Amino acid sequence: MPGYLTTHVLDTARGCPAEGLRITLARIEGDSRRVIKEMVTNADGRTDAPILPEAEFETGTYELVFAVGDYLDACGAAPESPRFLDEVPLRFGMSEDDHYHVPLLVSPFGYSTYRGS
């Protein structure tokens, strides 16, 4: 099976998908970080297409950066200066041609992730 990368974001404080959250994908090579693309989550908290589709998939080290602070501001979460969580970076490796699903569960004061299916 060819590899590809997907994600979704759930707002655990509000109990709903995180719609309108900007996500940046970068490829990491040594000390170099190259941004590949940016996407925004839809009403289901997912991107409309795989973040890294089969045709663009390569094994290696990547980083997803979730713009949580902007999302919280847009949702009307109680403002802080500065916000406890702003940009949430997740650096991970993809070592084989497979489906990698990297979700984010987020609230104003914490987050978690895992390799999903």
C-alpha atoms as a PDB file:
ATOM      1  CA  MET A   1       0.000   0.000   0.000  1.00  0.00           C
ATOM      2  CA  PRO A   2       1.384   3.431  -0.869  1.00  0.00           C
ATOM      3  CA  GLY A   3       1.905   5.757   2.072  1.00  0.00           C
ATOM      4  CA  TYR A   4      -0.013   8.915   2.915  1.00  0.00           C
ATOM      5  CA  LEU A   5      -0.534  11.254   5.878  1.00  0.00           C
ATOM      6  CA  THR A   6      -3.779  12.444   7.454  1.00  0.00           C
ATOM      7  CA  THR A   7      -4.794  14.260  10.626  1.00  0.00           C
ATOM      8  CA  HIS A   8      -7.789  15.541  12.490  1.00  0.00           C
ATOM      9  CA  VAL A   9      -8.156  17.931  15.401  1.00  0.00           C
ATOM     10  CA  LEU A  10     -10.667  17.603  18.204  1.00  0.00           C
ATOM     11  CA  ASP A  11     -11.430  20.402  20.664  1.00  0.00           C
ATOM     12  CA  THR A  12     -11.749  18.463  23.923  1.00  0.00           C
ATOM     13  CA  ALA A  13     -12.790  21.527  25.938  1.00  0.00           C
ATOM     14  CA  ARG A  14     -15.800  22.200  23.725  1.00  0.00           C
ATOM     15  CA  GLY A  15     -16.422  18.571  22.764  1.00  0.00           C
ATOM     16  CA  CYS A  16     -16.373  19.125  19.011  1.00  0.00           C
ATOM     17  CA  PRO A  17     -14.139  19.027  15.932  1.00  0.00           C
ATOM     18  CA  ALA A  18     -11.756  21.984  15.644  1.00  0.00           C
ATOM     19  CA  GLU A  19     -12.990  23.705  12.493  1.00  0.00           C
ATOM     20  CA  GLY A  20     -10.848  26.402  10.848  1.00  0.00           C
ATOM     21  CA  LEU A  21      -7.552  25.428  12.484  1.00  0.00           C
ATOM     22  CA  ARG A  22      -4.480  26.119  10.298  1.00  0.00           C
ATOM     23  CA  ILE A  23      -1.912  23.312   9.988  1.00  0.00           C
ATOM     24  CA  THR A  24       1.563  23.573   8.473  1.00  0.00           C
ATOM     25  CA  LEU A  25       3.550  20.529   7.317  1.00  0.00           C
ATOM     26  CA  ALA A  26       7.342  20.664   7.100  1.00  0.00           C
ATOM     27  CA  ARG A  27       9.956  18.079   6.151  1.00  0.00           C
ATOM     28  CA  ILE A  28      12.968  17.870   8.474  1.00  0.00           C
ATOM     29  CA  GLU A  29      16.379  16.962   7.063  1.00  0.00           C
ATOM     30  CA  GLY A  30      19.238  17.390   9.527  1.00  0.00           C
ATOM     31  CA  ASP A  31      19.085  20.976  10.770  1.00  0.00           C
ATOM     32  CA  SER A  32      16.936  22.018   7.808  1.00  0.00           C
ATOM     33  CA  ARG A  33      13.173  22.543   8.018  1.00  0.00           C
ATOM     34  CA  ARG A  34      11.334  22.938   4.690  1.00  0.00           C
ATOM     35  CA  VAL A  35       7.640  23.887   4.736  1.00  0.00           C
ATOM     36  CA  ILE A  36       5.734  21.722   2.267  1.00  0.00           C
ATOM     37  CA  LYS A  37       2.170  23.006   2.632  1.00  0.00           C
ATOM     38  CA  GLU A  38      -0.492  24.636   4.759  1.00  0.00           C
ATOM     39  CA  MET A  39      -4.073  23.484   5.158  1.00  0.00           C
ATOM     40  CA  VAL A  40      -7.118  24.379   7.263  1.00  0.00           C
ATOM     41  CA  THR A  41      -9.444  21.940   8.996  1.00  0.00           C
ATOM     42  CA  ASN A  42     -13.029  21.582   7.812  1.00  0.00           C
ATOM     43  CA  ALA A  43     -16.236  21.241   9.850  1.00  0.00           C
ATOM     44  CA  ASP A  44     -15.231  17.675  10.794  1.00  0.00           C
ATOM     45  CA  GLY A  45     -11.835  18.853  12.129  1.00  0.00           C
ATOM     46  CA  ARG A  46     -10.084  17.148   9.201  1.00  0.00           C
ATOM     47  CA  THR A  47      -8.369  18.429   6.092  1.00  0.00           C
ATOM     48  CA  ASP A  48     -10.337  18.048   2.850  1.00  0.00           C
ATOM     49  CA  ALA A  49      -7.565  15.892   1.371  1.00  0.00           C
ATOM     50  CA  PRO A  50      -4.628  13.979   2.855  1.00  0.00           C
ATOM     51  CA  ILE A  51      -1.948  16.354   4.105  1.00  0.00           C
ATOM     52  CA  LEU A  52       0.603  14.267   2.265  1.00  0.00           C
ATOM     53  CA  PRO A  53      -1.116  12.261  -0.484  1.00  0.00           C
ATOM     54  CA  GLU A  54       0.261   9.049  -1.989  1.00  0.00           C
ATOM     55  CA  ALA A  55       1.835  10.861  -4.961  1.00  0.00           C
ATOM     56  CA  GLU A  56       3.887  13.122  -2.637  1.00  0.00           C
ATOM     57  CA  PHE A  57       4.636  10.645   0.151  1.00  0.00           C
ATOM     58  CA  GLU A  58       8.236   9.994   1.188  1.00  0.00           C
ATOM     59  CA  THR A  59       9.492   8.360   4.351  1.00  0.00           C
ATOM     60  CA  GLY A  60      11.426  10.630   6.684  1.00  0.00           C
ATOM     61  CA  THR A  61      11.022  13.064   9.532  1.00  0.00           C
ATOM     62  CA  TYR A  62       8.209  15.599   9.441  1.00  0.00           C
ATOM     63  CA  GLU A  63       6.654  18.260  11.617  1.00  0.00           C
ATOM     64  CA  LEU A  64       3.021  19.299  11.828  1.00  0.00           C
ATOM     65  CA  VAL A  65       2.466  22.707  13.428  1.00  0.00           C
ATOM     66  CA  PHE A  66      -1.069  23.365  14.627  1.00  0.00           C
ATOM     67  CA  ALA A  67      -2.073  27.048  15.050  1.00  0.00           C
ATOM     68  CA  VAL A  68      -3.970  26.419  18.281  1.00  0.00           C
ATOM     69  CA  GLY A  69      -3.741  29.989  19.623  1.00  0.00           C
ATOM     70  CA  ASP A  70      -5.377  31.468  16.521  1.00  0.00           C
ATOM     71  CA  TYR A  71      -8.076  28.790  16.690  1.00  0.00           C
ATOM     72  CA  LEU A  72      -8.780  29.525  20.373  1.00  0.00           C
ATOM     73  CA  ASP A  73      -8.975  33.254  19.635  1.00  0.00           C
ATOM     74  CA  ALA A  74     -11.464  32.619  16.807  1.00  0.00           C
ATOM     75  CA  CYS A  75     -13.589  30.411  19.092  1.00  0.00           C
ATOM     76  CA  GLY A  76     -13.804  33.087  21.754  1.00  0.00           C
ATOM     77  CA  ALA A  77     -11.833  31.153  24.369  1.00  0.00           C
ATOM     78  CA  ALA A  78     -11.004  33.343  27.360  1.00  0.00           C
ATOM     79  CA  PRO A  79      -8.063  35.520  26.278  1.00  0.00           C
ATOM     80  CA  GLU A  80      -4.661  35.246  27.905  1.00  0.00           C
ATOM     81  CA  SER A  81      -1.525  37.218  27.199  1.00  0.00           C
ATOM     82  CA  PRO A  82       0.364  35.241  26.194  1.00  0.00           C
ATOM     83  CA  ARG A  83      -1.727  32.142  25.576  1.00  0.00           C
ATOM     84  CA  PHE A  84      -0.547  28.999  27.345  1.00  0.00           C
ATOM     85  CA  LEU A  85      -0.721  27.133  24.007  1.00  0.00           C
ATOM     86  CA  ASP A  86      -0.055  28.968  20.774  1.00  0.00           C
ATOM     87  CA  GLU A  87       1.591  26.897  18.060  1.00  0.00           C
ATOM     88  CA  VAL A  88       1.746  23.173  18.823  1.00  0.00           C
ATOM     89  CA  PRO A  89       4.544  21.393  16.915  1.00  0.00           C
ATOM     90  CA  LEU A  90       4.517  17.615  16.518  1.00  0.00           C
ATOM     91  CA  ARG A  91       7.707  16.113  15.089  1.00  0.00           C
ATOM     92  CA  PHE A  92       7.445  12.482  14.000  1.00  0.00           C
ATOM     93  CA  GLY A  93       8.975   9.933  11.675  1.00  0.00           C
ATOM     94  CA  MET A  94       7.408   7.894   8.902  1.00  0.00           C
ATOM     95  CA  SER A  95       9.575   4.851   8.249  1.00  0.00           C
ATOM     96  CA  GLU A  96       7.492   2.797   5.823  1.00  0.00           C
ATOM     97  CA  ASP A  97       4.950   3.160   3.027  1.00  0.00           C
ATOM     98  CA  ASP A  98       1.793   3.104   5.119  1.00  0.00           C
ATOM     99  CA  HIS A  99      -1.098   5.288   6.246  1.00  0.00           C
ATOM    100  CA  TYR A 100       0.082   7.596   9.023  1.00  0.00           C
ATOM    101  CA  HIS A 101      -2.703   9.354  10.910  1.00  0.00           C
ATOM    102  CA  VAL A 102      -1.507  11.955  13.423  1.00  0.00           C
ATOM    103  CA  PRO A 103      -4.457  13.483  15.288  1.00  0.00           C
ATOM    104  CA  LEU A 104      -4.407  16.268  17.859  1.00  0.00           C
ATOM    105  CA  LEU A 105      -6.750  16.506  20.837  1.00  0.00           C
ATOM    106  CA  VAL A 106      -6.550  20.020  22.217  1.00  0.00           C
ATOM    107  CA  SER A 107      -7.918  22.334  24.903  1.00  0.00           C
ATOM    108  CA  PRO A 108      -6.667  25.758  26.021  1.00  0.00           C
ATOM    109  CA  PHE A 109      -4.362  24.135  28.592  1.00  0.00           C
ATOM    110  CA  GLY A 110      -3.254  20.800  27.157  1.00  0.00           C
ATOM    111  CA  TYR A 111      -3.031  18.490  24.182  1.00  0.00           C
ATOM    112  CA  SER A 112      -2.300  14.890  23.270  1.00  0.00           C
ATOM    113  CA  THR A 113      -1.568  12.932  20.137  1.00  0.00           C
ATOM    114  CA  TYR A 114      -0.991   9.369  19.005  1.00  0.00           C
ATOM    115  CA  ARG A 115      -0.499   7.368  15.834  1.00  0.00           C
ATOM    116  CA  GLY A 116      -4.026   6.641  14.748  1.00  0.00           C
ATOM    117  CA  SER A 117      -5.489   4.475  12.043  1.00  0.00           C
END
